[in-house]
Amino acid sequence: MPAKVRVQTTINGEQVEFLCEPRQSLLECLRDILGLTGTKEGCNDGNCGACTVMLDDRVVTSCLVLGVEADGAQITTIEGIAKGSELHPLQRAFLENAALQCGICTPGFIVAAKALLDHEPNPTEDQIRLWLANNLCRCTGYDKIIHAVQQAAAYLREVRA
């Protein structure tokens, strides 16, 4: 059995320390060690985006990042998007636009879309589609997701003004 490695990181604004095997993915560490099950496992080979998280302000698929690579990093998962019991405008927009069905892809879409809106508060439809191109959905369809991101962007611009 491989020796475990101690990882110290910040997840959703909280200092966290855990032990993991050097071969374990960040996705496995989040779900199986830390109990943060909002990040979903879809393909486990980086193609679907269900496990998308922010790692030091970069959008990454956590199934392709080793847990040990998170040492010293700042990570944001879907659990860190809402403020307590108050949903983020993206989460509300996904609900209001029926931009989800089974829910497997939804956390990854929301994390990626938040990164986009943090980077570009007034994205065009083409920018949204390009930014979310690494996230796949099999049941909702992309138009509802795009409309939800546009609605959240408009709301956030209004609040910031």
N, C-alpha and C. Protein backbone atom coordinates (compact mmCIF):
# COMPACT_ATOMS: atom_id res chain seq x y z
N MET A 1 0.85 -1.18 0.00
CA MET A 1 0.00 0.00 0.00
C MET A 1 0.90 1.24 0.00
N PRO A 2 0.67 2.18 -0.94
CA PRO A 2 1.49 3.38 -1.01
C PRO A 2 1.32 4.25 0.24
N ALA A 3 2.39 4.93 0.59
CA ALA A 3 2.33 5.85 1.72
C ALA A 3 1.41 7.01 1.38
N LYS A 4 0.69 7.48 2.37
CA LYS A 4 -0.21 8.61 2.16
C LYS A 4 0.56 9.91 2.32
N VAL A 5 0.08 10.92 1.62
CA VAL A 5 0.69 12.23 1.62
C VAL A 5 -0.25 13.21 2.30
N ARG A 6 0.30 14.08 3.13
CA ARG A 6 -0.50 15.11 3.80
C ARG A 6 -0.65 16.30 2.85
N VAL A 7 -1.88 16.73 2.65
CA VAL A 7 -2.17 17.86 1.78
C VAL A 7 -2.87 18.93 2.61
N GLN A 8 -2.34 20.14 2.53
CA GLN A 8 -2.97 21.29 3.18
C GLN A 8 -3.43 22.24 2.08
N THR A 9 -4.69 22.59 2.10
CA THR A 9 -5.26 23.42 1.05
C THR A 9 -6.39 24.26 1.63
N THR A 10 -6.92 25.13 0.82
CA THR A 10 -8.09 25.92 1.19
C THR A 10 -9.20 25.54 0.23
N ILE A 11 -10.30 25.05 0.78
CA ILE A 11 -11.44 24.66 -0.04
C ILE A 11 -12.64 25.49 0.39
N ASN A 12 -13.19 26.21 -0.57
CA ASN A 12 -14.36 27.06 -0.32
C ASN A 12 -14.12 28.01 0.85
N GLY A 13 -12.90 28.54 0.91
CA GLY A 13 -12.55 29.53 1.92
C GLY A 13 -12.12 28.98 3.26
N GLU A 14 -12.12 27.66 3.43
CA GLU A 14 -11.74 27.05 4.71
C GLU A 14 -10.44 26.26 4.57
N GLN A 15 -9.55 26.40 5.55
CA GLN A 15 -8.33 25.61 5.57
C GLN A 15 -8.70 24.15 5.80
N VAL A 16 -8.12 23.28 4.99
CA VAL A 16 -8.42 21.85 5.07
C VAL A 16 -7.11 21.09 5.00
N GLU A 17 -7.05 20.01 5.75
CA GLU A 17 -5.89 19.12 5.70
C GLU A 17 -6.42 17.70 5.57
N PHE A 18 -5.81 16.92 4.65
CA PHE A 18 -6.23 15.53 4.49
C PHE A 18 -5.05 14.68 4.04
N LEU A 19 -5.22 13.39 4.18
CA LEU A 19 -4.23 12.42 3.72
C LEU A 19 -4.77 11.72 2.49
N CYS A 20 -3.92 11.56 1.49
CA CYS A 20 -4.34 10.84 0.29
C CYS A 20 -3.15 10.08 -0.29
N GLU A 21 -3.48 9.10 -1.09
CA GLU A 21 -2.43 8.38 -1.80
C GLU A 21 -1.97 9.25 -2.97
N PRO A 22 -0.69 9.16 -3.35
CA PRO A 22 -0.17 10.00 -4.44
C PRO A 22 -0.92 9.81 -5.77
N ARG A 23 -1.55 8.67 -5.97
CA ARG A 23 -2.24 8.38 -7.22
C ARG A 23 -3.70 8.85 -7.23
N GLN A 24 -4.23 9.28 -6.10
CA GLN A 24 -5.65 9.65 -6.03
C GLN A 24 -5.90 11.00 -6.70
N SER A 25 -7.00 11.04 -7.45
CA SER A 25 -7.36 12.29 -8.11
C SER A 25 -7.96 13.27 -7.08
N LEU A 26 -7.94 14.53 -7.45
CA LEU A 26 -8.58 15.54 -6.61
C LEU A 26 -10.07 15.22 -6.47
N LEU A 27 -10.68 14.72 -7.53
CA LEU A 27 -12.09 14.33 -7.46
C LEU A 27 -12.31 13.28 -6.38
N GLU A 28 -11.48 12.25 -6.35
CA GLU A 28 -11.61 11.21 -5.32
C GLU A 28 -11.41 11.80 -3.93
N CYS A 29 -10.45 12.69 -3.80
CA CYS A 29 -10.19 13.31 -2.48
C CYS A 29 -11.39 14.14 -2.03
N LEU A 30 -11.93 14.94 -2.95
CA LEU A 30 -13.08 15.78 -2.60
C LEU A 30 -14.27 14.93 -2.17
N ARG A 31 -14.59 13.93 -2.96
CA ARG A 31 -15.79 13.13 -2.70
C ARG A 31 -15.59 12.11 -1.58
N ASP A 32 -14.51 11.32 -1.70
CA ASP A 32 -14.36 10.16 -0.81
C ASP A 32 -13.68 10.47 0.52
N ILE A 33 -12.79 11.44 0.53
CA ILE A 33 -12.08 11.76 1.77
C ILE A 33 -12.76 12.92 2.50
N LEU A 34 -13.13 13.96 1.75
CA LEU A 34 -13.66 15.17 2.37
C LEU A 34 -15.19 15.23 2.39
N GLY A 35 -15.85 14.32 1.70
CA GLY A 35 -17.31 14.29 1.73
C GLY A 35 -17.98 15.40 0.95
N LEU A 36 -17.26 16.04 0.04
CA LEU A 36 -17.83 17.10 -0.80
C LEU A 36 -18.36 16.45 -2.08
N THR A 37 -19.56 15.93 -1.98
CA THR A 37 -20.10 15.11 -3.07
C THR A 37 -20.84 15.92 -4.13
N GLY A 38 -20.85 17.23 -4.01
CA GLY A 38 -21.48 18.05 -5.04
C GLY A 38 -20.73 17.96 -6.36
N THR A 39 -19.42 17.82 -6.29
CA THR A 39 -18.61 17.62 -7.49
C THR A 39 -18.87 16.21 -7.98
N LYS A 40 -19.34 16.08 -9.20
CA LYS A 40 -19.79 14.79 -9.71
C LYS A 40 -18.73 14.09 -10.54
N GLU A 41 -18.78 12.76 -10.52
CA GLU A 41 -17.94 11.95 -11.39
C GLU A 41 -18.78 11.54 -12.59
N GLY A 42 -18.32 11.94 -13.76
CA GLY A 42 -19.01 11.56 -14.97
C GLY A 42 -18.19 10.54 -15.73
N CYS A 43 -17.27 11.03 -16.52
CA CYS A 43 -16.47 10.16 -17.39
C CYS A 43 -15.18 9.67 -16.74
N ASN A 44 -14.66 10.42 -15.80
CA ASN A 44 -13.40 10.13 -15.11
C ASN A 44 -12.20 10.12 -16.07
N ASP A 45 -12.34 10.80 -17.20
CA ASP A 45 -11.19 10.96 -18.09
C ASP A 45 -11.10 12.36 -18.70
N GLY A 46 -11.74 13.33 -18.07
CA GLY A 46 -11.61 14.73 -18.44
C GLY A 46 -12.44 15.19 -19.62
N ASN A 47 -13.39 14.40 -20.07
CA ASN A 47 -14.15 14.77 -21.26
C ASN A 47 -15.51 15.38 -21.01
N CYS A 48 -16.08 15.24 -19.80
CA CYS A 48 -17.47 15.67 -19.63
C CYS A 48 -17.64 16.95 -18.81
N GLY A 49 -16.70 17.29 -17.95
CA GLY A 49 -16.81 18.52 -17.17
C GLY A 49 -17.65 18.42 -15.91
N ALA A 50 -18.22 17.26 -15.61
CA ALA A 50 -19.07 17.13 -14.42
C ALA A 50 -18.29 17.41 -13.13
N CYS A 51 -17.00 17.18 -13.15
CA CYS A 51 -16.18 17.34 -11.94
C CYS A 51 -15.43 18.67 -11.91
N THR A 52 -15.89 19.65 -12.68
CA THR A 52 -15.22 20.94 -12.77
C THR A 52 -15.18 21.65 -11.42
N VAL A 53 -13.98 22.13 -11.08
CA VAL A 53 -13.76 22.96 -9.90
C VAL A 53 -12.82 24.09 -10.30
N MET A 54 -12.70 25.07 -9.43
CA MET A 54 -11.70 26.13 -9.62
C MET A 54 -10.49 25.78 -8.76
N LEU A 55 -9.33 25.79 -9.36
CA LEU A 55 -8.07 25.54 -8.66
C LEU A 55 -7.18 26.75 -8.91
N ASP A 56 -6.98 27.54 -7.85
CA ASP A 56 -6.21 28.78 -8.00
C ASP A 56 -6.71 29.61 -9.18
N ASP A 57 -8.01 29.84 -9.23
CA ASP A 57 -8.65 30.67 -10.25
C ASP A 57 -8.54 30.11 -11.67
N ARG A 58 -8.29 28.81 -11.80
CA ARG A 58 -8.31 28.15 -13.10
C ARG A 58 -9.41 27.10 -13.08
N VAL A 59 -10.13 27.01 -14.18
CA VAL A 59 -11.15 25.97 -14.32
C VAL A 59 -10.43 24.67 -14.65
N VAL A 60 -10.65 23.63 -13.83
CA VAL A 60 -10.02 22.33 -14.07
C VAL A 60 -11.03 21.22 -13.88
N THR A 61 -10.78 20.11 -14.57
CA THR A 61 -11.56 18.90 -14.31
C THR A 61 -10.82 18.15 -13.22
N SER A 62 -11.45 18.01 -12.08
CA SER A 62 -10.76 17.46 -10.90
C SER A 62 -10.39 15.99 -11.05
N CYS A 63 -10.97 15.31 -12.03
CA CYS A 63 -10.58 13.91 -12.26
C CYS A 63 -9.20 13.80 -12.88
N LEU A 64 -8.70 14.90 -13.46
CA LEU A 64 -7.38 14.89 -14.10
C LEU A 64 -6.30 15.57 -13.27
N VAL A 65 -6.65 16.00 -12.07
CA VAL A 65 -5.69 16.64 -11.16
C VAL A 65 -5.46 15.68 -10.00
N LEU A 66 -4.22 15.50 -9.64
CA LEU A 66 -3.94 14.67 -8.48
C LEU A 66 -4.25 15.44 -7.21
N GLY A 67 -4.72 14.74 -6.21
CA GLY A 67 -5.01 15.38 -4.93
C GLY A 67 -3.79 16.07 -4.35
N VAL A 68 -2.62 15.47 -4.52
CA VAL A 68 -1.39 16.08 -3.97
C VAL A 68 -1.07 17.41 -4.63
N GLU A 69 -1.57 17.63 -5.85
CA GLU A 69 -1.34 18.90 -6.53
C GLU A 69 -2.13 20.04 -5.90
N ALA A 70 -3.07 19.72 -5.05
CA ALA A 70 -3.87 20.74 -4.38
C ALA A 70 -3.16 21.33 -3.17
N ASP A 71 -2.01 20.77 -2.80
CA ASP A 71 -1.29 21.27 -1.63
C ASP A 71 -0.97 22.76 -1.82
N GLY A 72 -1.44 23.58 -0.89
CA GLY A 72 -1.20 25.01 -0.92
C GLY A 72 -2.13 25.78 -1.85
N ALA A 73 -3.04 25.11 -2.49
CA ALA A 73 -3.91 25.75 -3.48
C ALA A 73 -5.20 26.26 -2.85
N GLN A 74 -5.89 27.08 -3.62
CA GLN A 74 -7.23 27.55 -3.28
C GLN A 74 -8.19 26.83 -4.22
N ILE A 75 -9.18 26.15 -3.68
CA ILE A 75 -10.12 25.38 -4.48
C ILE A 75 -11.54 25.87 -4.20
N THR A 76 -12.31 26.01 -5.26
CA THR A 76 -13.74 26.31 -5.11
C THR A 76 -14.52 25.20 -5.78
N THR A 77 -15.41 24.59 -5.01
CA THR A 77 -16.30 23.55 -5.53
C THR A 77 -17.71 24.12 -5.58
N ILE A 78 -18.64 23.34 -6.07
CA ILE A 78 -20.03 23.79 -6.13
C ILE A 78 -20.55 24.16 -4.73
N GLU A 79 -20.05 23.48 -3.70
CA GLU A 79 -20.49 23.80 -2.33
C GLU A 79 -20.08 25.20 -1.90
N GLY A 80 -19.09 25.78 -2.56
CA GLY A 80 -18.61 27.11 -2.21
C GLY A 80 -19.22 28.23 -3.03
N ILE A 81 -20.15 27.93 -3.91
CA ILE A 81 -20.75 28.95 -4.77
C ILE A 81 -21.83 29.74 -4.03
N ALA A 82 -22.69 29.06 -3.32
CA ALA A 82 -23.74 29.75 -2.54
C ALA A 82 -23.12 30.40 -1.31
N LYS A 83 -23.81 31.38 -0.79
CA LYS A 83 -23.40 32.03 0.46
C LYS A 83 -24.35 31.54 1.56
N GLY A 84 -23.93 30.51 2.28
CA GLY A 84 -24.80 29.90 3.28
C GLY A 84 -26.00 29.29 2.59
N SER A 85 -27.21 29.68 3.02
CA SER A 85 -28.42 29.13 2.42
C SER A 85 -28.91 29.98 1.24
N GLU A 86 -28.20 31.07 0.95
CA GLU A 86 -28.60 31.94 -0.16
C GLU A 86 -27.91 31.49 -1.45
N LEU A 87 -28.71 31.06 -2.41
CA LEU A 87 -28.17 30.59 -3.68
C LEU A 87 -27.50 31.72 -4.44
N HIS A 88 -26.47 31.38 -5.17
CA HIS A 88 -25.82 32.33 -6.07
C HIS A 88 -26.80 32.61 -7.21
N PRO A 89 -26.77 33.79 -7.81
CA PRO A 89 -27.66 34.07 -8.94
C PRO A 89 -27.60 33.03 -10.06
N LEU A 90 -26.45 32.43 -10.29
CA LEU A 90 -26.37 31.36 -11.30
C LEU A 90 -27.22 30.16 -10.89
N GLN A 91 -27.15 29.80 -9.64
CA GLN A 91 -27.93 28.66 -9.17
C GLN A 91 -29.43 28.95 -9.29
N ARG A 92 -29.83 30.17 -8.92
CA ARG A 92 -31.24 30.55 -9.05
C ARG A 92 -31.66 30.54 -10.52
N ALA A 93 -30.80 31.07 -11.40
CA ALA A 93 -31.12 31.12 -12.83
C ALA A 93 -31.25 29.72 -13.42
N PHE A 94 -30.40 28.80 -12.98
CA PHE A 94 -30.52 27.42 -13.47
C PHE A 94 -31.86 26.84 -13.07
N LEU A 95 -32.31 27.10 -11.85
CA LEU A 95 -33.61 26.61 -11.41
C LEU A 95 -34.75 27.28 -12.18
N GLU A 96 -34.68 28.60 -12.29
CA GLU A 96 -35.76 29.36 -12.94
C GLU A 96 -35.88 29.03 -14.43
N ASN A 97 -34.78 28.67 -15.07
CA ASN A 97 -34.79 28.37 -16.50
C ASN A 97 -34.87 26.88 -16.80
N ALA A 98 -35.08 26.07 -15.77
CA ALA A 98 -35.12 24.61 -15.93
C ALA A 98 -33.89 24.13 -16.68
N ALA A 99 -32.73 24.66 -16.30
CA ALA A 99 -31.48 24.35 -16.97
C ALA A 99 -30.80 23.14 -16.33
N LEU A 100 -31.59 22.23 -15.83
CA LEU A 100 -31.06 21.01 -15.24
C LEU A 100 -32.13 19.94 -15.26
N GLN A 101 -31.69 18.71 -15.33
CA GLN A 101 -32.63 17.60 -15.21
C GLN A 101 -32.04 16.58 -14.25
N CYS A 102 -31.13 15.76 -14.72
CA CYS A 102 -30.61 14.71 -13.84
C CYS A 102 -29.65 15.28 -12.79
N GLY A 103 -28.98 16.40 -13.10
CA GLY A 103 -28.12 17.06 -12.12
C GLY A 103 -26.67 16.64 -12.13
N ILE A 104 -26.29 15.66 -12.93
CA ILE A 104 -24.89 15.22 -12.94
C ILE A 104 -23.99 16.33 -13.49
N CYS A 105 -24.38 16.99 -14.55
CA CYS A 105 -23.53 18.01 -15.17
C CYS A 105 -23.67 19.38 -14.51
N THR A 106 -24.74 19.61 -13.79
CA THR A 106 -25.08 20.94 -13.29
C THR A 106 -23.98 21.58 -12.43
N PRO A 107 -23.40 20.89 -11.45
CA PRO A 107 -22.35 21.53 -10.66
C PRO A 107 -21.17 22.01 -11.50
N GLY A 108 -20.76 21.20 -12.45
CA GLY A 108 -19.65 21.59 -13.32
C GLY A 108 -19.99 22.80 -14.17
N PHE A 109 -21.20 22.83 -14.71
CA PHE A 109 -21.63 23.99 -15.49
C PHE A 109 -21.65 25.25 -14.63
N ILE A 110 -22.17 25.15 -13.42
CA ILE A 110 -22.28 26.33 -12.57
C ILE A 110 -20.90 26.84 -12.17
N VAL A 111 -20.00 25.96 -11.78
CA VAL A 111 -18.65 26.39 -11.41
C VAL A 111 -17.96 27.04 -12.60
N ALA A 112 -18.06 26.43 -13.78
CA ALA A 112 -17.42 27.00 -14.97
C ALA A 112 -18.06 28.33 -15.35
N ALA A 113 -19.39 28.41 -15.27
CA ALA A 113 -20.07 29.66 -15.61
C ALA A 113 -19.73 30.77 -14.64
N LYS A 114 -19.59 30.44 -13.36
CA LYS A 114 -19.19 31.46 -12.39
C LYS A 114 -17.81 31.99 -12.71
N ALA A 115 -16.90 31.11 -13.09
CA ALA A 115 -15.55 31.54 -13.48
C ALA A 115 -15.63 32.49 -14.68
N LEU A 116 -16.50 32.17 -15.63
CA LEU A 116 -16.68 33.06 -16.78
C LEU A 116 -17.18 34.42 -16.33
N LEU A 117 -18.23 34.44 -15.52
CA LEU A 117 -18.82 35.72 -15.11
C LEU A 117 -17.87 36.52 -14.22
N ASP A 118 -17.02 35.84 -13.48
CA ASP A 118 -15.99 36.55 -12.70
C ASP A 118 -14.98 37.21 -13.63
N HIS A 119 -14.72 36.55 -14.76
CA HIS A 119 -13.74 37.03 -15.74
C HIS A 119 -14.35 38.03 -16.72
N GLU A 120 -15.57 37.76 -17.14
CA GLU A 120 -16.26 38.58 -18.16
C GLU A 120 -17.71 38.78 -17.73
N PRO A 121 -18.02 39.95 -17.13
CA PRO A 121 -19.38 40.16 -16.61
C PRO A 121 -20.46 40.31 -17.68
N ASN A 122 -20.09 40.57 -18.92
CA ASN A 122 -21.07 40.76 -19.97
C ASN A 122 -20.72 39.89 -21.19
N PRO A 123 -20.74 38.57 -21.02
CA PRO A 123 -20.34 37.71 -22.12
C PRO A 123 -21.40 37.63 -23.22
N THR A 124 -20.94 37.47 -24.44
CA THR A 124 -21.85 37.22 -25.55
C THR A 124 -22.28 35.76 -25.49
N GLU A 125 -23.30 35.42 -26.27
CA GLU A 125 -23.73 34.03 -26.32
C GLU A 125 -22.59 33.15 -26.84
N ASP A 126 -21.86 33.63 -27.84
CA ASP A 126 -20.74 32.86 -28.37
C ASP A 126 -19.66 32.64 -27.31
N GLN A 127 -19.38 33.66 -26.50
CA GLN A 127 -18.39 33.50 -25.42
C GLN A 127 -18.86 32.47 -24.40
N ILE A 128 -20.13 32.51 -24.06
CA ILE A 128 -20.67 31.53 -23.10
C ILE A 128 -20.54 30.12 -23.66
N ARG A 129 -20.96 29.94 -24.89
CA ARG A 129 -20.88 28.62 -25.52
C ARG A 129 -19.44 28.12 -25.58
N LEU A 130 -18.52 28.98 -25.95
CA LEU A 130 -17.11 28.59 -26.03
C LEU A 130 -16.57 28.24 -24.65
N TRP A 131 -16.88 29.07 -23.66
CA TRP A 131 -16.38 28.85 -22.30
C TRP A 131 -16.89 27.54 -21.72
N LEU A 132 -18.12 27.20 -22.03
CA LEU A 132 -18.74 25.99 -21.48
C LEU A 132 -18.60 24.77 -22.40
N ALA A 133 -17.81 24.89 -23.44
CA ALA A 133 -17.68 23.80 -24.43
C ALA A 133 -17.11 22.52 -23.83
N ASN A 134 -16.39 22.59 -22.72
CA ASN A 134 -15.83 21.39 -22.09
C ASN A 134 -16.80 20.71 -21.15
N ASN A 135 -17.99 21.27 -21.01
CA ASN A 135 -19.01 20.68 -20.14
C ASN A 135 -20.10 20.08 -21.01
N LEU A 136 -20.38 18.82 -20.79
CA LEU A 136 -21.37 18.11 -21.59
C LEU A 136 -22.64 17.85 -20.80
N CYS A 137 -23.77 17.93 -21.49
CA CYS A 137 -25.06 17.64 -20.90
C CYS A 137 -25.79 16.68 -21.83
N ARG A 138 -26.36 15.64 -21.27
CA ARG A 138 -27.07 14.66 -22.09
C ARG A 138 -28.58 14.84 -22.04
N CYS A 139 -29.12 15.59 -21.07
CA CYS A 139 -30.57 15.60 -20.98
C CYS A 139 -31.23 16.98 -20.99
N THR A 140 -30.57 18.03 -20.59
CA THR A 140 -31.26 19.32 -20.53
C THR A 140 -31.24 20.03 -21.87
N GLY A 141 -30.14 19.98 -22.55
CA GLY A 141 -29.97 20.77 -23.76
C GLY A 141 -29.30 22.08 -23.40
N TYR A 142 -28.55 22.59 -24.30
CA TYR A 142 -27.69 23.73 -23.99
C TYR A 142 -28.39 25.07 -23.99
N ASP A 143 -29.47 25.23 -24.73
CA ASP A 143 -30.12 26.54 -24.79
C ASP A 143 -30.57 27.01 -23.42
N LYS A 144 -31.16 26.13 -22.63
CA LYS A 144 -31.61 26.52 -21.29
C LYS A 144 -30.43 26.91 -20.40
N ILE A 145 -29.33 26.23 -20.56
CA ILE A 145 -28.13 26.54 -19.78
C ILE A 145 -27.59 27.90 -20.20
N ILE A 146 -27.52 28.16 -21.49
CA ILE A 146 -27.04 29.45 -22.00
C ILE A 146 -27.93 30.57 -21.50
N HIS A 147 -29.24 30.37 -21.56
CA HIS A 147 -30.18 31.41 -21.09
C HIS A 147 -30.01 31.65 -19.59
N ALA A 148 -29.76 30.61 -18.83
CA ALA A 148 -29.56 30.77 -17.39
C ALA A 148 -28.30 31.60 -17.12
N VAL A 149 -27.24 31.35 -17.84
CA VAL A 149 -26.00 32.12 -17.66
C VAL A 149 -26.23 33.58 -18.06
N GLN A 150 -26.94 33.80 -19.16
CA GLN A 150 -27.24 35.17 -19.58
C GLN A 150 -28.09 35.90 -18.54
N GLN A 151 -29.08 35.21 -17.97
CA GLN A 151 -29.93 35.82 -16.95
C GLN A 151 -29.11 36.17 -15.71
N ALA A 152 -28.26 35.25 -15.27
CA ALA A 152 -27.42 35.52 -14.10
C ALA A 152 -26.46 36.67 -14.36
N ALA A 153 -25.90 36.73 -15.56
CA ALA A 153 -24.98 37.82 -15.91
C ALA A 153 -25.70 39.16 -15.84
N ALA A 154 -26.91 39.22 -16.39
CA ALA A 154 -27.68 40.47 -16.36
C ALA A 154 -27.99 40.87 -14.92
N TYR A 155 -28.40 39.92 -14.11
CA TYR A 155 -28.69 40.21 -12.70
C TYR A 155 -27.45 40.72 -11.98
N LEU A 156 -26.31 40.06 -12.17
CA LEU A 156 -25.08 40.46 -11.49
C LEU A 156 -24.62 41.84 -11.95
N ARG A 157 -24.79 42.16 -13.22
CA ARG A 157 -24.43 43.51 -13.70
C ARG A 157 -25.30 44.56 -13.04
N GLU A 158 -26.59 44.24 -12.90
CA GLU A 158 -27.54 45.16 -12.28
C GLU A 158 -27.18 45.39 -10.81
N VAL A 159 -26.83 44.35 -10.11
CA VAL A 159 -26.50 44.45 -8.69
C VAL A 159 -25.21 45.25 -8.50
N ARG A 160 -24.25 45.05 -9.39
CA ARG A 160 -22.95 45.74 -9.28
C ARG A 160 -23.05 47.21 -9.66
N ALA A 161 -24.08 47.58 -10.44
CA ALA A 161 -24.20 48.96 -10.94
C ALA A 161 -24.62 49.92 -9.86
